[in-house]
C-alpha atoms as a PDB file:
ATOM      1  CA  LYS A   1       8.086   2.524 -89.457  1.00  0.00           C
ATOM      2  CA  GLU A   2       6.362  -0.020 -91.543  1.00  0.00           C
ATOM      3  CA  ALA A   3       8.418  -2.723 -89.964  1.00  0.00           C
ATOM      4  CA  GLU A   4       7.452  -1.364 -86.555  1.00  0.00           C
ATOM      5  CA  TYR A   5       3.847  -1.145 -87.644  1.00  0.00           C
ATOM      6  CA  ALA A   6       3.997  -4.718 -88.936  1.00  0.00           C
ATOM      7  CA  GLN A   7       5.601  -5.823 -85.658  1.00  0.00           C
ATOM      8  CA  VAL A   8       2.933  -4.036 -83.603  1.00  0.00           C
ATOM      9  CA  THR A   9       0.226  -5.550 -85.800  1.00  0.00           C
ATOM     10  CA  ARG A  10       1.700  -9.012 -85.279  1.00  0.00           C
ATOM     11  CA  ASP A  11       2.013  -8.344 -81.568  1.00  0.00           C
ATOM     12  CA  LEU A  12      -1.636  -7.233 -81.499  1.00  0.00           C
ATOM     13  CA  GLN A  13      -2.661 -10.356 -83.387  1.00  0.00           C
ATOM     14  CA  ASP A  14      -0.626 -12.514 -80.998  1.00  0.00           C
ATOM     15  CA  LEU A  15      -2.191 -10.650 -78.100  1.00  0.00           C
ATOM     16  CA  ALA A  16      -5.661 -11.127 -79.566  1.00  0.00           C
ATOM     17  CA  GLU A  17      -4.876 -14.816 -79.956  1.00  0.00           C
ATOM     18  CA  TYR A  18      -3.667 -14.989 -76.348  1.00  0.00           C
ATOM     19  CA  GLN A  19      -6.703 -13.046 -75.237  1.00  0.00           C
ATOM     20  CA  HIS A  20      -8.914 -15.523 -77.099  1.00  0.00           C
ATOM     21  CA  ILE A  21      -7.093 -18.436 -75.423  1.00  0.00           C
ATOM     22  CA  ARG A  22      -7.405 -16.647 -72.069  1.00  0.00           C
ATOM     23  CA  LEU A  23     -11.163 -16.203 -72.578  1.00  0.00           C
ATOM     24  CA  GLU A  24     -11.487 -19.878 -73.522  1.00  0.00           C
ATOM     25  CA  GLN A  25      -9.496 -20.888 -70.429  1.00  0.00           C
ATOM     26  CA  GLU A  26     -11.538 -18.616 -68.170  1.00  0.00           C
ATOM     27  CA  ALA A  27     -14.724 -20.117 -69.635  1.00  0.00           C
ATOM     28  CA  GLU A  28     -13.302 -23.613 -69.035  1.00  0.00           C
ATOM     29  CA  ILE A  29     -12.345 -22.636 -65.475  1.00  0.00           C
ATOM     30  CA  GLY A  30     -15.882 -21.320 -64.914  1.00  0.00           C
ATOM     31  CA  ARG A  31     -17.353 -24.525 -66.341  1.00  0.00           C
ATOM     32  CA  LEU A  32     -15.045 -26.626 -64.144  1.00  0.00           C
ATOM     33  CA  GLU A  33     -15.897 -24.573 -61.047  1.00  0.00           C
ATOM     34  CA  THR A  34     -19.596 -25.065 -61.794  1.00  0.00           C
ATOM     35  CA  GLU A  35     -18.966 -28.787 -62.275  1.00  0.00           C
ATOM     36  CA  VAL A  36     -17.067 -28.909 -58.957  1.00  0.00           C
ATOM     37  CA  GLU A  37     -19.974 -27.189 -57.195  1.00  0.00           C
ATOM     38  CA  ARG A  38     -22.457 -29.576 -58.828  1.00  0.00           C
ATOM     39  CA  LEU A  39     -20.340 -32.563 -57.765  1.00  0.00           C
ATOM     40  CA  LYS A  40     -20.070 -31.174 -54.205  1.00  0.00           C
ATOM     41  CA  ILE A  41     -23.860 -30.864 -54.039  1.00  0.00           C
ATOM     42  CA  GLU A  42     -24.297 -34.315 -55.578  1.00  0.00           C
ATOM     43  CA  HIS A  43     -21.791 -35.798 -53.128  1.00  0.00           C
ATOM     44  CA  SER A  44     -23.467 -34.048 -50.202  1.00  0.00           C
ATOM     45  CA  GLU A  45     -26.888 -35.349 -51.280  1.00  0.00           C
ATOM     46  CA  ALA A  46     -25.516 -38.872 -51.758  1.00  0.00           C
ATOM     47  CA  LEU A  47     -23.864 -38.729 -48.335  1.00  0.00           C
ATOM     48  CA  GLN A  48     -27.101 -37.505 -46.777  1.00  0.00           C
ATOM     49  CA  ALA A  49     -29.031 -40.318 -48.487  1.00  0.00           C
ATOM     50  CA  MET A  50     -26.503 -42.870 -47.206  1.00  0.00           C
ATOM     51  CA  LYS A  51     -26.821 -41.492 -43.664  1.00  0.00           C
ATOM     52  CA  SER A  52     -30.600 -41.621 -43.929  1.00  0.00           C
ATOM     53  CA  ASN A  53     -30.512 -45.209 -45.232  1.00  0.00           C
ATOM     54  CA  PHE A  54     -28.075 -46.196 -42.481  1.00  0.00           C
ATOM     55  CA  LEU A  55     -30.340 -44.740 -39.806  1.00  0.00           C
ATOM     56  CA  LYS A  56     -33.400 -46.474 -41.295  1.00  0.00           C
ATOM     57  CA  GLU A  57     -31.529 -49.792 -41.403  1.00  0.00           C
ATOM     58  CA  LYS A  58     -30.325 -49.254 -37.843  1.00  0.00           C
ATOM     59  CA  VAL A  59     -33.901 -48.646 -36.674  1.00  0.00           C
ATOM     60  CA  ASN A  60     -35.081 -51.724 -38.610  1.00  0.00           C
ATOM     61  CA  HIS A  61     -32.346 -53.884 -37.056  1.00  0.00           C
ATOM     62  CA  GLU A  62     -33.178 -52.580 -33.588  1.00  0.00           C
ATOM     63  CA  GLN A  63     -36.862 -53.329 -34.154  1.00  0.00           C
ATOM     64  CA  ASP A  64     -36.000 -56.806 -35.445  1.00  0.00           C
ATOM     65  CA  ALA A  65     -33.780 -57.423 -32.417  1.00  0.00           C
ATOM     66  CA  ASP A  66     -36.517 -56.181 -30.056  1.00  0.00           C
ATOM     67  CA  GLN A  67     -39.050 -58.442 -31.788  1.00  0.00           C
ATOM     68  CA  LYS A  68     -36.726 -61.453 -31.540  1.00  0.00           C
ATOM     69  CA  ILE A  69     -36.111 -60.757 -27.844  1.00  0.00           C
ATOM     70  CA  LYS A  70     -39.849 -60.459 -27.284  1.00  0.00           C
ATOM     71  CA  GLN A  71     -40.419 -63.771 -29.098  1.00  0.00           C
ATOM     72  CA  MET A  72     -37.648 -65.452 -27.104  1.00  0.00           C
ATOM     73  CA  LYS A  73     -39.126 -64.164 -23.829  1.00  0.00           C
ATOM     74  CA  GLN A  74     -42.575 -65.401 -24.862  1.00  0.00           C
ATOM     75  CA  LYS A  75     -41.159 -68.801 -25.829  1.00  0.00           C
ATOM     76  CA  ALA A  76     -39.272 -69.083 -22.529  1.00  0.00           C
ATOM     77  CA  ASN A  77     -42.401 -68.068 -20.637  1.00  0.00           C
ATOM     78  CA  ASP A  78     -44.517 -70.605 -22.547  1.00  0.00           C
ATOM     79  CA  GLU A  79     -41.952 -73.337 -21.864  1.00  0.00           C
ATOM     80  CA  ALA A  80     -41.854 -72.417 -18.170  1.00  0.00           C
ATOM     81  CA  VAL A  81     -45.658 -72.540 -17.958  1.00  0.00           C
ATOM     82  CA  GLN A  82     -45.686 -75.900 -19.750  1.00  0.00           C
ATOM     83  CA  CYS A  83     -43.029 -77.226 -17.385  1.00  0.00           C
ATOM     84  CA  LEU A  84     -45.051 -76.061 -14.354  1.00  0.00           C
ATOM     85  CA  VAL A  85     -48.235 -77.631 -15.749  1.00  0.00           C
ATOM     86  CA  GLU A  86     -46.439 -80.948 -16.342  1.00  0.00           C
ATOM     87  CA  HIS A  87     -44.844 -80.836 -12.876  1.00  0.00           C
ATOM     88  CA  THR A  88     -48.202 -80.023 -11.270  1.00  0.00           C
ATOM     89  CA  GLN A  89     -49.871 -82.898 -13.130  1.00  0.00           C
ATOM     90  CA  LYS A  90     -47.097 -85.270 -12.060  1.00  0.00           C
ATOM     91  CA  ILE A  91     -47.446 -84.205  -8.408  1.00  0.00           C
ATOM     92  CA  SER A  92     -51.228 -84.502  -8.649  1.00  0.00           C
ATOM     93  CA  SER A  93     -50.922 -88.047 -10.042  1.00  0.00           C
ATOM     94  CA  GLU A  94     -48.432 -88.965  -7.315  1.00  0.00           C
ATOM     95  CA  ASN A  95     -50.760 -87.492  -4.677  1.00  0.00           C
ATOM     96  CA  LYS A  96     -53.692 -89.571  -5.995  1.00  0.00           C
ATOM     97  CA  LEU A  97     -51.569 -92.720  -5.827  1.00  0.00           C
ATOM     98  CA  LEU A  98     -50.353 -91.869  -2.322  1.00  0.00           C
ATOM     99  CA  ARG A  99     -53.943 -91.107  -1.164  1.00  0.00           C
ATOM    100  CA  LYS A 100     -55.111 -94.437  -2.577  1.00  0.00           C
ATOM    101  CA  GLU A 101     -52.209 -96.252  -0.893  1.00  0.00           C
ATOM    102  CA  LEU A 102     -52.875 -94.411   2.381  1.00  0.00           C
ATOM    103  CA  LEU A 103     -56.565 -95.287   2.232  1.00  0.00           C
ATOM    104  CA  THR A 104     -55.627 -98.930   1.653  1.00  0.00           C
ATOM    105  CA  LEU A 105     -53.233 -98.829   4.618  1.00  0.00           C
ATOM    106  CA  ILE A 106     -55.855 -97.161   6.844  1.00  0.00           C
ATOM    107  CA  ARG A 107     -58.438 -99.824   5.931  1.00  0.00           C
ATOM    108  CA  ARG A 108     -55.880-102.562   6.548  1.00  0.00           C
ATOM    109  CA  SER A 109     -54.974-100.960   9.874  1.00  0.00           C
ATOM    110  CA  GLN A 110     -58.669-100.780  10.815  1.00  0.00           C
ATOM    111  CA  ALA A 111     -59.160-104.397   9.792  1.00  0.00           C
ATOM    112  CA  LEU A 112     -56.122-105.451  11.833  1.00  0.00           C
ATOM    113  CA  THR A 113     -57.335-103.419  14.814  1.00  0.00           C
ATOM    114  CA  GLU A 114     -60.782-105.072  14.575  1.00  0.00           C
ATOM    115  CA  HIS A 115     -59.160-108.496  14.264  1.00  0.00           C
ATOM    116  CA  LYS A 116     -56.960-107.711  17.290  1.00  0.00           C
ATOM    117  CA  LEU A 117     -60.043-106.716  19.295  1.00  0.00           C
ATOM    118  CA  GLU A 118     -61.795-109.911  18.216  1.00  0.00           C
ATOM    119  CA  LEU A 119     -58.755-111.952  19.242  1.00  0.00           C
ATOM    120  CA  GLN A 120     -58.527-110.123  22.579  1.00  0.00           C
ATOM    121  CA  ASN A 121     -62.232-110.742  23.196  1.00  0.00           C
ATOM    122  CA  GLN A 122     -61.773-114.394  22.214  1.00  0.00           C
ATOM    123  CA  ARG A 123     -58.810-114.663  24.576  1.00  0.00           C
ATOM    124  CA  LYS A 124     -60.797-113.118  27.435  1.00  0.00           C
ATOM    125  CA  SER A 125     -63.616-115.468  26.704  1.00  0.00           C
ATOM    126  CA  LEU A 126     -61.284-118.452  26.639  1.00  0.00           C
ATOM    127  CA  VAL A 127     -59.570-117.351  29.853  1.00  0.00           C
ATOM    128  CA  ARG A 128     -63.014-117.035  31.541  1.00  0.00           C
ATOM    129  CA  GLU A 129     -64.055-120.405  30.254  1.00  0.00           C
ATOM    130  CA  HIS A 130     -60.814-121.895  31.492  1.00  0.00           C
ATOM    131  CA  GLN A 131     -61.242-120.256  34.908  1.00  0.00           C
ATOM    132  CA  VAL A 132     -64.862-121.339  35.121  1.00  0.00           C
ATOM    133  CA  GLY A 133     -63.924-124.858  34.006  1.00  0.00           C
ATOM    134  CA  SER A 134     -61.121-125.263  36.542  1.00  0.00           C
END
């Protein structure tokens, strides 16, 4: 009986030891489960922050692109206006030169027409004088 009692006592001690180990393991499991939950939350928050940053950067890039397009359009428009101004000035200068040349030609034509009339009158006069003299 004593041997049985001693065996039961040892078994109870072993069981108590196993129970102590079991309690330690359950506590560790609980701690690990809590840590897993904390890491899940941390990961979720980090992922959410990354998504938020990505969307902010995307908006910033879109705004930058829109601004660059606007600047390029403005530059192209300014260059087109400048080109039209230069072309208009060139045509205006050419028109002034052509007007001046035309005015010179008109005056020359008038002078030639007057000279022709003078010569025709002179010829008539000479023909009359020749007819009167003959």
